[in-house]
Amino acid sequence: MSNNVVRSLLAEPRAPQPPQRVWRDWALIALLLPTAILEGVLREDVVWRPVAIVIAVGSILALLWRRTHPLAVSAVVFGVAIASSLASLIGDLPVIGLNTMIAVILLPYALLRWGSGREIGIGLGIYVVALVTGFAVEYTGLLNVFLGGVVLFFPASIGHAVRYWATSRARELDKMRLLERAQLARELHDTVAHHVSAIAIRAQAGRVVAAIDPSAAVEALTVIEAEASRTLAEMRVMVGNLREDEMAAMAPQQGVADLEQLARSVGDQPRVELELSGDLVDLQPAVGAAVYRIAQESITNAVRHARHVTRIDVRVAAEERCVRLTVCDDGDAGATVKNPSGYGLVGMSERAALLGGSFEAGPGPDRGWTVEAVLPKVGAAR
């Protein structure tokens, strides 16, 4: 188990899109460089003054690359610190360093925030070595060792926390995008499939009767024009949603009141009979839209796939706490082709489930196909 955890940590990729340099970096450099130079010049106890100033200036300038090359910058800066500590330890020399060098605690933060898992592992090892060698030169007690570790590794813990939050946020946004795409796919399938099916049926009927009844052909063209206009309008709403247009998101959804127009759009073959009962006025918009879309998809499936279907019955009944939608046709028994993995049934089932309802579809008791959805009046419980 522990080996798997270590392997997963080492396989962690770098955080995406690290900013190279922002205005805060230049402001930090503009503040630290003069401070380091002044400290190196004015402090009387600085040993090897030119070397200390060069190390401090180089370390501060290296902070500009801490996000894009976190391990390399940490290795260079802390490597110099380790080398100077070893030189002091072996040669019994005084410590070389300026107080301005405290700014290097930004490097552990940057490493944990932007580095890969392997880089983080190597970098933490470098930090531990730097801490040990530093206190080996100037040991002032366990308390100071502990406080020095806190000062060094606390920014690293903050970097890890920020990285975890950013990763979780990115995953949540990806999940929301997937849900929006699924919803768009359902809307596209439900809307376009129904209207295009109606257009195709009317066009076929108009072509058949054009020679013997021109007025019927004109009527078919009128229905085709209306269906095409409605399809275009709904497509514009969906395109507006893709563009994140707030006005498009506020467009009214179709609901139970639009079922009569939906039934008329199919025509006489097959005939759609609509029956509404109970109090359907105060339904939530999401529930009304789900009733409409499930009825629309069920009618489209019956028109497309049911053989010898002459009648489609749509019943919407409002009960005390729920709305019951039933759609059944009189096609040949077993002749209605339904693909359980198709988008239509999946979309209807998902719509019902999202609202806390139930959905069933299957062959009717006598003939045809029956779809039944039961949705709570107030939608899903939050």
Protein backbone atom coordinates (compact mmCIF):
# COMPACT_ATOMS: atom_id res chain seq x y z
CA MET A 1 0.00 0.00 0.00
CA SER A 2 2.77 2.45 1.00
CA ASN A 3 4.69 1.63 -2.19
CA ASN A 4 1.62 2.49 -4.25
CA VAL A 5 1.25 5.81 -2.43
CA VAL A 6 4.90 6.68 -3.03
CA ARG A 7 4.67 5.71 -6.70
CA SER A 8 1.54 7.80 -7.17
CA LEU A 9 3.19 10.79 -5.51
CA LEU A 10 6.30 10.47 -7.65
CA ALA A 11 4.14 10.15 -10.78
CA GLU A 12 2.30 13.40 -10.01
CA PRO A 13 2.78 15.75 -12.99
CA ARG A 14 3.65 19.39 -12.74
CA ALA A 15 0.83 21.82 -12.05
CA PRO A 16 -0.39 23.21 -15.38
CA GLN A 17 0.21 26.73 -16.66
CA PRO A 18 2.55 28.21 -14.06
CA PRO A 19 2.81 31.99 -14.52
CA GLN A 20 6.33 32.95 -15.56
CA ARG A 21 6.60 36.39 -14.03
CA VAL A 22 3.96 38.83 -12.78
CA TRP A 23 4.17 42.36 -11.48
CA ARG A 24 4.48 41.14 -7.90
CA ASP A 25 7.74 39.40 -8.80
CA TRP A 26 9.28 42.59 -10.13
CA ALA A 27 8.04 44.50 -7.08
CA LEU A 28 9.61 41.86 -4.83
CA ILE A 29 12.93 42.04 -6.67
CA ALA A 30 12.87 45.85 -6.60
CA LEU A 31 12.45 45.68 -2.81
CA LEU A 32 14.88 42.87 -2.00
CA LEU A 33 17.86 43.79 -4.22
CA PRO A 34 18.53 47.23 -2.72
CA THR A 35 17.89 45.81 0.75
CA ALA A 36 20.44 43.03 0.25
CA ILE A 37 23.05 45.38 -1.18
CA LEU A 38 22.57 47.91 1.60
CA GLU A 39 22.76 45.19 4.23
CA GLY A 40 25.94 43.80 2.69
CA VAL A 41 27.56 47.23 2.59
CA LEU A 42 26.43 48.66 5.91
CA ARG A 43 26.54 45.67 8.28
CA GLU A 44 29.84 45.53 10.11
CA ASP A 45 29.73 41.82 11.03
CA VAL A 46 29.39 40.49 7.47
CA VAL A 47 32.17 38.01 6.67
CA TRP A 48 33.54 37.87 3.13
CA ARG A 49 31.40 40.84 2.20
CA PRO A 50 31.68 40.62 -1.64
CA VAL A 51 30.91 36.88 -1.64
CA ALA A 52 27.92 37.35 0.69
CA ILE A 53 26.50 40.15 -1.49
CA VAL A 54 26.94 38.13 -4.71
CA ILE A 55 25.23 35.07 -3.16
CA ALA A 56 22.34 37.18 -1.89
CA VAL A 57 21.83 39.03 -5.18
CA GLY A 58 22.02 35.80 -7.21
CA SER A 59 19.54 34.04 -4.91
CA ILE A 60 17.08 36.93 -5.11
CA LEU A 61 17.28 37.09 -8.91
CA ALA A 62 16.76 33.31 -9.09
CA LEU A 63 13.31 33.81 -7.50
CA LEU A 64 12.10 35.02 -10.91
CA TRP A 65 12.26 31.43 -12.19
CA ARG A 66 10.85 29.72 -9.08
CA ARG A 67 7.54 28.76 -10.72
CA THR A 68 8.77 27.55 -14.11
CA HIS A 69 11.90 25.79 -12.78
CA PRO A 70 11.20 25.17 -9.08
CA LEU A 71 13.61 22.26 -8.57
CA ALA A 72 16.49 23.80 -10.51
CA VAL A 73 16.23 27.10 -8.62
CA SER A 74 15.94 25.30 -5.27
CA ALA A 75 18.94 23.11 -6.09
CA VAL A 76 21.10 26.11 -7.03
CA VAL A 77 20.10 28.38 -4.13
CA PHE A 78 20.09 25.76 -1.39
CA GLY A 79 23.09 24.02 -2.96
CA VAL A 80 25.09 27.22 -2.46
CA ALA A 81 23.84 27.40 1.13
CA ILE A 82 24.89 23.78 1.74
CA ALA A 83 28.31 24.39 0.19
CA SER A 84 28.90 27.48 2.31
CA SER A 85 27.81 25.59 5.44
CA LEU A 86 30.17 22.70 4.64
CA ALA A 87 33.00 25.13 3.95
CA SER A 88 32.40 26.80 7.28
CA LEU A 89 32.17 23.42 9.03
CA ILE A 90 35.30 21.92 7.46
CA GLY A 91 37.46 25.02 7.46
CA ASP A 92 36.23 26.27 10.81
CA LEU A 93 35.20 29.54 9.14
CA PRO A 94 32.42 31.93 10.12
CA VAL A 95 29.02 31.70 8.43
CA ILE A 96 28.56 33.68 5.24
CA GLY A 97 25.07 35.09 4.81
CA LEU A 98 22.73 38.07 4.95
CA ASN A 99 19.40 38.33 6.72
CA THR A 100 17.79 39.22 3.38
CA MET A 101 18.31 35.61 2.35
CA ILE A 102 15.19 34.77 4.37
CA ALA A 103 13.34 35.44 1.08
CA VAL A 104 14.39 31.97 -0.13
CA ILE A 105 11.52 30.49 1.92
CA LEU A 106 9.44 31.31 -1.18
CA LEU A 107 11.15 28.40 -2.93
CA PRO A 108 9.55 25.58 -0.84
CA TYR A 109 6.16 27.16 -1.52
CA ALA A 110 6.85 27.32 -5.27
CA LEU A 111 8.16 23.75 -5.36
CA LEU A 112 5.10 22.25 -3.66
CA ARG A 113 2.75 24.48 -5.67
CA TRP A 114 4.18 23.99 -9.17
CA GLY A 115 6.66 21.09 -9.16
CA SER A 116 6.09 17.48 -10.18
CA GLY A 117 6.00 14.69 -7.63
CA ARG A 118 9.55 13.60 -8.40
CA GLU A 119 10.81 17.19 -8.20
CA ILE A 120 9.06 17.67 -4.87
CA GLY A 121 10.70 14.55 -3.44
CA ILE A 122 14.18 15.64 -4.55
CA GLY A 123 13.62 19.23 -3.44
CA LEU A 124 12.45 18.25 0.05
CA GLY A 125 15.60 16.15 0.40
CA ILE A 126 17.71 19.18 -0.52
CA TYR A 127 15.88 21.31 2.06
CA VAL A 128 16.50 18.75 4.81
CA VAL A 129 20.22 18.60 3.97
CA ALA A 130 20.42 22.41 3.99
CA LEU A 131 18.66 22.53 7.36
CA VAL A 132 20.92 19.90 8.90
CA THR A 133 24.17 21.42 7.61
CA GLY A 134 23.09 24.90 8.62
CA PHE A 135 22.44 23.90 12.23
CA ALA A 136 25.56 21.72 12.28
CA VAL A 137 27.54 24.94 11.83
CA GLU A 138 25.52 26.97 14.33
CA TYR A 139 23.69 24.68 16.76
CA THR A 140 21.73 26.76 19.26
CA GLY A 141 19.39 24.17 20.75
CA LEU A 142 16.56 21.87 19.74
CA LEU A 143 13.96 24.61 19.99
CA ASN A 144 15.75 26.70 17.39
CA VAL A 145 16.14 23.64 15.18
CA PHE A 146 12.41 23.03 15.43
CA LEU A 147 11.58 26.68 14.72
CA GLY A 148 13.97 26.69 11.77
CA GLY A 149 12.21 23.64 10.31
CA VAL A 150 8.84 25.34 10.77
CA VAL A 151 10.06 28.49 9.01
CA LEU A 152 11.40 26.42 6.11
CA PHE A 153 8.60 23.89 5.66
CA PHE A 154 5.51 25.92 6.60
CA PRO A 155 5.54 27.71 3.20
CA ALA A 156 5.80 24.27 1.60
CA SER A 157 2.63 23.16 3.39
CA ILE A 158 0.86 26.31 2.22
CA GLY A 159 1.96 25.61 -1.35
CA HIS A 160 0.62 22.06 -1.11
CA ALA A 161 -2.72 23.32 0.25
CA VAL A 162 -3.06 25.90 -2.53
CA ARG A 163 -2.20 23.26 -5.12
CA TYR A 164 -4.79 20.85 -3.69
CA TRP A 165 -7.45 23.58 -3.73
CA ALA A 166 -6.61 24.56 -7.32
CA THR A 167 -6.68 20.93 -8.46
CA SER A 168 -10.02 20.31 -6.76
CA ARG A 169 -11.41 23.49 -8.30
CA ALA A 170 -10.23 22.45 -11.77
CA ARG A 171 -11.80 19.01 -11.37
CA GLU A 172 -15.06 20.58 -10.23
CA LEU A 173 -15.07 22.86 -13.27
CA ASP A 174 -14.38 19.89 -15.55
CA LYS A 175 -17.26 18.02 -13.94
CA MET A 176 -19.56 21.00 -14.48
CA ARG A 177 -18.49 21.21 -18.12
CA LEU A 178 -19.25 17.52 -18.61
CA LEU A 179 -22.69 17.96 -17.04
CA GLU A 180 -23.37 20.98 -19.25
CA ARG A 181 -22.31 19.03 -22.33
CA ALA A 182 -24.56 16.13 -21.34
CA GLN A 183 -27.46 18.53 -20.85
CA LEU A 184 -26.76 20.19 -24.18
CA ALA A 185 -26.60 16.78 -25.86
CA ARG A 186 -30.00 15.91 -24.41
CA GLU A 187 -31.50 19.23 -25.50
CA LEU A 188 -30.01 18.92 -28.97
CA HIS A 189 -31.19 15.34 -29.36
CA ASP A 190 -34.68 16.01 -28.04
CA THR A 191 -35.29 19.21 -29.97
CA VAL A 192 -33.67 18.50 -33.32
CA ALA A 193 -34.77 14.86 -33.46
CA HIS A 194 -38.42 15.73 -32.89
CA HIS A 195 -38.66 18.69 -35.24
CA VAL A 196 -36.65 17.07 -38.03
CA SER A 197 -38.80 13.94 -37.75
CA ALA A 198 -41.93 16.06 -38.05
CA ILE A 199 -40.47 17.88 -41.06
CA ALA A 200 -39.54 14.60 -42.75
CA ILE A 201 -42.98 13.06 -42.17
CA ARG A 202 -44.80 16.13 -43.45
CA ALA A 203 -42.52 16.34 -46.48
CA GLN A 204 -43.22 12.69 -47.35
CA ALA A 205 -46.95 13.19 -46.90
CA GLY A 206 -46.91 16.38 -48.99
CA ARG A 207 -45.08 14.65 -51.80
CA VAL A 208 -47.64 11.83 -51.85
CA VAL A 209 -50.74 14.06 -51.90
CA ALA A 210 -49.33 16.91 -54.01
CA ALA A 211 -50.68 15.50 -57.27
CA ILE A 212 -54.20 14.78 -56.02
CA ASP A 213 -54.72 17.44 -53.33
CA PRO A 214 -52.60 20.60 -53.75
CA SER A 215 -54.16 22.19 -50.66
CA ALA A 216 -52.88 19.31 -48.49
CA ALA A 217 -49.42 19.85 -49.91
CA VAL A 218 -49.64 23.55 -49.05
CA GLU A 219 -50.71 22.62 -45.51
CA ALA A 220 -47.73 20.27 -45.22
CA LEU A 221 -45.39 23.04 -46.34
CA THR A 222 -46.90 25.36 -43.72
CA VAL A 223 -46.22 22.82 -40.97
CA ILE A 224 -42.69 22.27 -42.31
CA GLU A 225 -42.05 26.01 -42.23
CA ALA A 226 -43.33 26.30 -38.65
CA GLU A 227 -41.26 23.33 -37.45
CA ALA A 228 -38.16 24.65 -39.18
CA SER A 229 -38.65 28.06 -37.55
CA ARG A 230 -39.06 26.51 -34.11
CA THR A 231 -35.96 24.36 -34.63
CA LEU A 232 -33.95 27.39 -35.66
CA ALA A 233 -35.15 29.36 -32.62
CA GLU A 234 -34.28 26.58 -30.20
CA MET A 235 -30.91 26.05 -31.86
CA ARG A 236 -30.17 29.75 -31.34
CA VAL A 237 -30.95 29.39 -27.65
CA MET A 238 -28.58 26.43 -27.36
CA VAL A 239 -25.83 28.26 -29.26
CA GLY A 240 -26.36 31.17 -26.90
CA ASN A 241 -25.87 28.83 -23.93
CA LEU A 242 -22.64 27.58 -25.49
CA ARG A 243 -21.45 31.16 -25.66
CA GLU A 244 -22.36 31.63 -22.00
CA ASP A 245 -24.89 34.29 -22.85
CA GLU A 246 -26.86 35.14 -19.70
CA MET A 247 -29.82 36.34 -21.74
CA ALA A 248 -29.98 32.97 -23.49
CA ALA A 249 -29.92 31.20 -20.15
CA MET A 250 -32.92 33.31 -19.09
CA ALA A 251 -34.99 32.27 -22.12
CA PRO A 252 -38.27 30.60 -21.05
CA GLN A 253 -38.35 26.82 -21.16
CA GLN A 254 -41.13 24.85 -22.76
CA GLY A 255 -43.46 23.13 -20.36
CA VAL A 256 -46.83 21.44 -19.94
CA ALA A 257 -48.66 24.36 -21.59
CA ASP A 258 -46.76 23.65 -24.83
CA LEU A 259 -47.87 20.01 -25.07
CA GLU A 260 -50.95 20.90 -27.13
CA GLN A 261 -48.81 22.55 -29.78
CA LEU A 262 -46.48 19.56 -29.65
CA ALA A 263 -49.40 17.21 -30.30
CA ARG A 264 -50.65 19.32 -33.23
CA SER A 265 -47.21 19.43 -34.82
CA VAL A 266 -47.25 15.68 -35.46
CA GLY A 267 -50.34 15.80 -37.68
CA ASP A 268 -53.02 13.17 -38.20
CA GLN A 269 -50.87 10.15 -38.91
CA PRO A 270 -50.37 9.08 -36.25
CA ARG A 271 -52.86 11.05 -34.21
CA VAL A 272 -51.69 12.32 -30.83
CA GLU A 273 -54.33 12.46 -28.12
CA LEU A 274 -53.47 14.63 -25.14
CA GLU A 275 -55.14 14.36 -21.75
CA LEU A 276 -54.29 16.72 -18.88
CA SER A 277 -55.73 16.29 -15.41
CA GLY A 278 -55.14 17.77 -11.99
CA ASP A 279 -53.48 21.02 -10.96
CA LEU A 280 -50.61 21.56 -13.41
CA VAL A 281 -50.37 25.33 -13.08
CA ASP A 282 -47.84 25.72 -10.28
CA LEU A 283 -45.24 23.24 -11.46
CA GLN A 284 -41.62 24.26 -11.15
CA PRO A 285 -40.11 25.22 -14.54
CA ALA A 286 -37.62 22.35 -14.38
CA VAL A 287 -40.41 19.82 -13.79
CA GLY A 288 -42.57 21.24 -16.56
CA ALA A 289 -39.61 21.23 -18.95
CA ALA A 290 -38.83 17.61 -18.09
CA VAL A 291 -42.45 16.58 -18.72
CA TYR A 292 -42.35 18.33 -22.10
CA ARG A 293 -39.01 16.84 -23.18
CA ILE A 294 -39.88 13.30 -22.11
CA ALA A 295 -43.22 13.53 -23.92
CA GLN A 296 -41.50 14.98 -26.98
CA GLU A 297 -38.88 12.23 -27.10
CA SER A 298 -41.49 9.50 -26.54
CA ILE A 299 -43.67 10.83 -29.38
CA THR A 300 -40.64 11.10 -31.67
CA ASN A 301 -39.64 7.50 -30.93
CA ALA A 302 -43.17 6.25 -31.61
CA VAL A 303 -43.39 8.14 -34.90
CA ARG A 304 -39.98 6.94 -36.00
CA HIS A 305 -39.95 3.33 -34.90
CA ALA A 306 -43.46 2.01 -34.20
CA ARG A 307 -44.96 0.01 -37.09
CA HIS A 308 -48.52 0.62 -38.13
CA VAL A 309 -49.04 3.10 -35.32
CA THR A 310 -52.23 5.16 -35.70
CA ARG A 311 -52.60 6.69 -32.25
CA ILE A 312 -50.32 8.00 -29.51
CA ASP A 313 -51.88 8.73 -26.13
CA VAL A 314 -50.20 11.28 -23.88
CA ARG A 315 -51.58 11.59 -20.36
CA VAL A 316 -50.29 14.04 -17.77
CA ALA A 317 -51.86 13.71 -14.33
CA ALA A 318 -51.04 15.90 -11.36
CA GLU A 319 -51.32 14.01 -8.10
CA GLU A 320 -50.83 15.32 -4.56
CA ARG A 321 -47.03 15.34 -4.58
CA CYS A 322 -46.03 14.24 -8.05
CA VAL A 323 -46.80 14.47 -11.75
CA ARG A 324 -47.31 11.28 -13.72
CA LEU A 325 -46.61 11.26 -17.46
CA THR A 326 -47.69 8.28 -19.55
CA VAL A 327 -47.11 7.97 -23.29
CA CYS A 328 -48.28 4.86 -25.13
CA ASP A 329 -48.86 3.97 -28.77
CA ASP A 330 -50.92 1.31 -30.57
CA GLY A 331 -48.14 0.03 -32.83
CA ASP A 332 -47.53 -3.65 -33.47
CA ALA A 333 -46.55 -5.57 -30.36
CA GLY A 334 -42.76 -5.89 -30.17
CA ALA A 335 -42.28 -3.92 -33.37
CA THR A 336 -41.13 -0.71 -31.77
CA VAL A 337 -37.39 -0.65 -31.95
CA LYS A 338 -35.80 0.70 -28.80
CA ASN A 339 -32.06 0.82 -28.18
CA PRO A 340 -31.44 0.68 -24.43
CA SER A 341 -28.08 2.39 -24.92
CA GLY A 342 -29.43 5.11 -27.18
CA TYR A 343 -29.40 8.77 -26.25
CA GLY A 344 -33.19 9.01 -26.15
CA LEU A 345 -33.89 6.59 -23.30
CA VAL A 346 -30.72 7.64 -21.49
CA GLY A 347 -31.71 11.30 -21.71
CA MET A 348 -35.25 10.67 -20.46
CA SER A 349 -34.01 8.55 -17.58
CA GLU A 350 -31.42 11.17 -16.61
CA ARG A 351 -34.01 13.95 -16.67
CA ALA A 352 -36.25 12.03 -14.30
CA ALA A 353 -33.37 11.02 -12.02
CA LEU A 354 -32.04 14.58 -11.73
CA LEU A 355 -35.41 15.69 -10.40
CA GLY A 356 -35.67 12.80 -7.96
CA GLY A 357 -38.27 10.94 -10.03
CA SER A 358 -38.55 7.57 -11.74
CA PHE A 359 -38.69 6.47 -15.35
CA GLU A 360 -39.80 3.24 -17.00
CA ALA A 361 -40.14 2.25 -20.64
CA GLY A 362 -41.09 -1.02 -22.24
CA PRO A 363 -43.65 -2.92 -24.34
CA GLY A 364 -47.27 -2.19 -23.52
CA PRO A 365 -49.53 -4.83 -21.98
CA ASP A 366 -51.42 -5.36 -25.24
CA ARG A 367 -49.41 -3.72 -28.00
CA GLY A 368 -47.11 -0.84 -28.77
CA TRP A 369 -44.72 0.81 -26.35
CA THR A 370 -45.36 2.56 -23.03
CA VAL A 371 -43.29 5.22 -21.33
CA GLU A 372 -44.06 6.33 -17.78
CA ALA A 373 -42.30 9.01 -15.77
CA VAL A 374 -43.18 10.07 -12.24
CA LEU A 375 -41.70 13.41 -11.17
CA PRO A 376 -42.05 15.18 -7.80
CA LYS A 377 -43.88 18.47 -8.14
CA VAL A 378 -41.17 20.43 -6.36
CA GLY A 379 -38.23 18.78 -8.15
CA ALA A 380 -35.32 17.08 -6.47
CA ALA A 381 -34.86 17.63 -2.77
CA ARG A 382 -31.86 19.82 -2.00
